[in-house]
C-alpha atoms as a PDB file:
ATOM      1  CA  MET A   1     -83.825 103.168-122.496  1.00  0.00           C
ATOM      2  CA  ALA A   2     -82.897 101.363-119.297  1.00  0.00           C
ATOM      3  CA  GLY A   3     -83.132  98.022-121.134  1.00  0.00           C
ATOM      4  CA  ALA A   4     -80.629  99.210-123.740  1.00  0.00           C
ATOM      5  CA  CYS A   5     -78.104 100.102-121.062  1.00  0.00           C
ATOM      6  CA  ASP A   6     -78.508  96.696-119.450  1.00  0.00           C
ATOM      7  CA  SER A   7     -77.849  94.921-122.746  1.00  0.00           C
ATOM      8  CA  ASP A   8     -74.794  97.113-123.382  1.00  0.00           C
ATOM      9  CA  LYS A   9     -73.432  96.178-119.955  1.00  0.00           C
ATOM     10  CA  ALA A  10     -74.104  92.501-120.621  1.00  0.00           C
ATOM     11  CA  GLN A  11     -72.300  92.658-123.968  1.00  0.00           C
ATOM     12  CA  SER A  12     -69.328  94.496-122.510  1.00  0.00           C
ATOM     13  CA  SER A  13     -69.070  91.981-119.660  1.00  0.00           C
ATOM     14  CA  GLU A  14     -69.177  89.109-122.177  1.00  0.00           C
ATOM     15  CA  LEU A  15     -66.428  90.727-124.218  1.00  0.00           C
ATOM     16  CA  GLY A  16     -64.398  91.294-121.078  1.00  0.00           C
ATOM     17  CA  ALA A  17     -64.845  87.656-120.105  1.00  0.00           C
ATOM     18  CA  VAL A  18     -63.499  86.547-123.471  1.00  0.00           C
ATOM     19  CA  ALA A  19     -60.486  88.839-123.186  1.00  0.00           C
ATOM     20  CA  GLU A  20     -59.694  87.609-119.673  1.00  0.00           C
ATOM     21  CA  HIS A  21     -59.212  83.986-120.714  1.00  0.00           C
ATOM     22  CA  PRO A  22     -55.620  83.067-121.510  1.00  0.00           C
ATOM     23  CA  PRO A  23     -54.924  81.816-125.030  1.00  0.00           C
ATOM     24  CA  SER A  24     -55.378  78.080-125.436  1.00  0.00           C
ATOM     25  CA  GLN A  25     -52.400  75.816-125.574  1.00  0.00           C
ATOM     26  CA  SER A  26     -52.222  74.708-129.197  1.00  0.00           C
ATOM     27  CA  THR A  27     -50.067  72.049-130.713  1.00  0.00           C
ATOM     28  CA  SER A  28     -47.672  73.394-133.293  1.00  0.00           C
ATOM     29  CA  ILE A  29     -47.189  71.451-136.492  1.00  0.00           C
ATOM     30  CA  THR A  30     -44.399  71.472-138.993  1.00  0.00           C
ATOM     31  CA  PRO A  31     -44.889  72.619-142.582  1.00  0.00           C
ATOM     32  CA  HIS A  32     -44.339  69.015-143.667  1.00  0.00           C
ATOM     33  CA  GLN A  33     -47.144  67.781-141.403  1.00  0.00           C
ATOM     34  CA  PHE A  34     -49.452  70.476-142.749  1.00  0.00           C
ATOM     35  CA  LEU A  35     -48.700  69.551-146.365  1.00  0.00           C
ATOM     36  CA  LEU A  36     -49.396  65.883-145.655  1.00  0.00           C
ATOM     37  CA  TRP A  37     -52.716  66.791-144.009  1.00  0.00           C
ATOM     38  CA  LYS A  38     -53.633  69.115-146.876  1.00  0.00           C
ATOM     39  CA  GLN A  39     -52.823  66.500-149.531  1.00  0.00           C
ATOM     40  CA  THR A  40     -54.923  63.918-147.683  1.00  0.00           C
ATOM     41  CA  LYS A  41     -57.811  66.355-147.340  1.00  0.00           C
ATOM     42  CA  ASP A  42     -57.636  67.392-151.013  1.00  0.00           C
ATOM     43  CA  ALA A  43     -57.498  63.754-152.142  1.00  0.00           C
ATOM     44  CA  ALA A  44     -60.562  62.898-150.047  1.00  0.00           C
ATOM     45  CA  ALA A  45     -62.463  65.915-151.403  1.00  0.00           C
ATOM     46  CA  MET A  46     -61.549  64.997-154.980  1.00  0.00           C
ATOM     47  CA  ALA A  47     -62.620  61.385-154.480  1.00  0.00           C
ATOM     48  CA  LYS A  48     -65.940  62.546-153.035  1.00  0.00           C
ATOM     49  CA  ALA A  49     -66.502  64.948-155.948  1.00  0.00           C
ATOM     50  CA  MET A  50     -65.653  62.265-158.511  1.00  0.00           C
ATOM     51  CA  ALA A  51     -68.047  59.812-156.869  1.00  0.00           C
ATOM     52  CA  ALA A  52     -70.818  62.429-156.908  1.00  0.00           C
ATOM     53  CA  ALA A  53     -70.138  63.218-160.585  1.00  0.00           C
ATOM     54  CA  LYS A  54     -70.224  59.513-161.503  1.00  0.00           C
ATOM     55  CA  LYS A  55     -73.484  59.028-159.621  1.00  0.00           C
ATOM     56  CA  ARG A  56     -74.988  62.076-161.367  1.00  0.00           C
ATOM     57  CA  ALA A  57     -73.897  60.755-164.782  1.00  0.00           C
ATOM     58  CA  ASP A  58     -75.344  57.315-164.016  1.00  0.00           C
ATOM     59  CA  ASP A  59     -78.628  58.865-162.813  1.00  0.00           C
ATOM     60  CA  LEU A  60     -78.844  61.010-165.967  1.00  0.00           C
ATOM     61  CA  ALA A  61     -78.206  58.015-168.202  1.00  0.00           C
ATOM     62  CA  ALA A  62     -80.891  56.020-166.397  1.00  0.00           C
ATOM     63  CA  GLY A  63     -83.366  58.919-166.515  1.00  0.00           C
ATOM     64  CA  ARG A  64     -83.756  59.130-162.738  1.00  0.00           C
ATOM     65  CA  VAL A  65     -83.018  62.880-162.592  1.00  0.00           C
ATOM     66  CA  ARG A  66     -83.599  65.821-164.900  1.00  0.00           C
ATOM     67  CA  MET A  67     -80.782  67.509-166.774  1.00  0.00           C
ATOM     68  CA  ASN A  68     -79.989  71.106-166.041  1.00  0.00           C
ATOM     69  CA  GLY A  69     -79.451  73.546-168.913  1.00  0.00           C
ATOM     70  CA  ARG A  70     -75.717  73.007-169.170  1.00  0.00           C
ATOM     71  CA  GLU A  71     -76.049  69.231-169.216  1.00  0.00           C
ATOM     72  CA  LEU A  72     -78.780  69.418-171.841  1.00  0.00           C
ATOM     73  CA  PHE A  73     -76.624  71.700-174.000  1.00  0.00           C
ATOM     74  CA  GLU A  74     -73.640  69.357-173.676  1.00  0.00           C
ATOM     75  CA  HIS A  75     -75.603  66.174-174.464  1.00  0.00           C
ATOM     76  CA  GLU A  76     -78.205  67.463-176.942  1.00  0.00           C
ATOM     77  CA  PRO A  77     -77.021  70.718-178.522  1.00  0.00           C
ATOM     78  CA  TRP A  78     -79.553  70.443-181.357  1.00  0.00           C
ATOM     79  CA  VAL A  79     -82.234  71.552-178.887  1.00  0.00           C
ATOM     80  CA  PHE A  80     -80.623  75.000-178.789  1.00  0.00           C
ATOM     81  CA  ASP A  81     -80.154  75.359-182.558  1.00  0.00           C
ATOM     82  CA  ASP A  82     -82.266  78.310-183.714  1.00  0.00           C
ATOM     83  CA  SER A  83     -81.199  78.123-187.380  1.00  0.00           C
ATOM     84  CA  ARG A  84     -84.408  76.349-188.357  1.00  0.00           C
ATOM     85  CA  PHE A  85     -86.404  79.455-187.338  1.00  0.00           C
ATOM     86  CA  GLU A  86     -84.471  81.843-189.595  1.00  0.00           C
END
């Protein structure tokens, strides 16, 4: 049990050390600056997603990768037609 007490003391001293540090000096931004940053970030994320989707479509068309179930259903729905078994 002595080891448990030592670890509790270590954790409490770590927490105390964190609380003793003053808050960091941060740079405030205006709502306009935030919106510009957010639009830039969203545009970059969308461009990256579109490039990945185009690459995936090109790879599927070339047969370099396998289709998942959704892609197979979208491109070849006849595979999922069970009417011939009725």
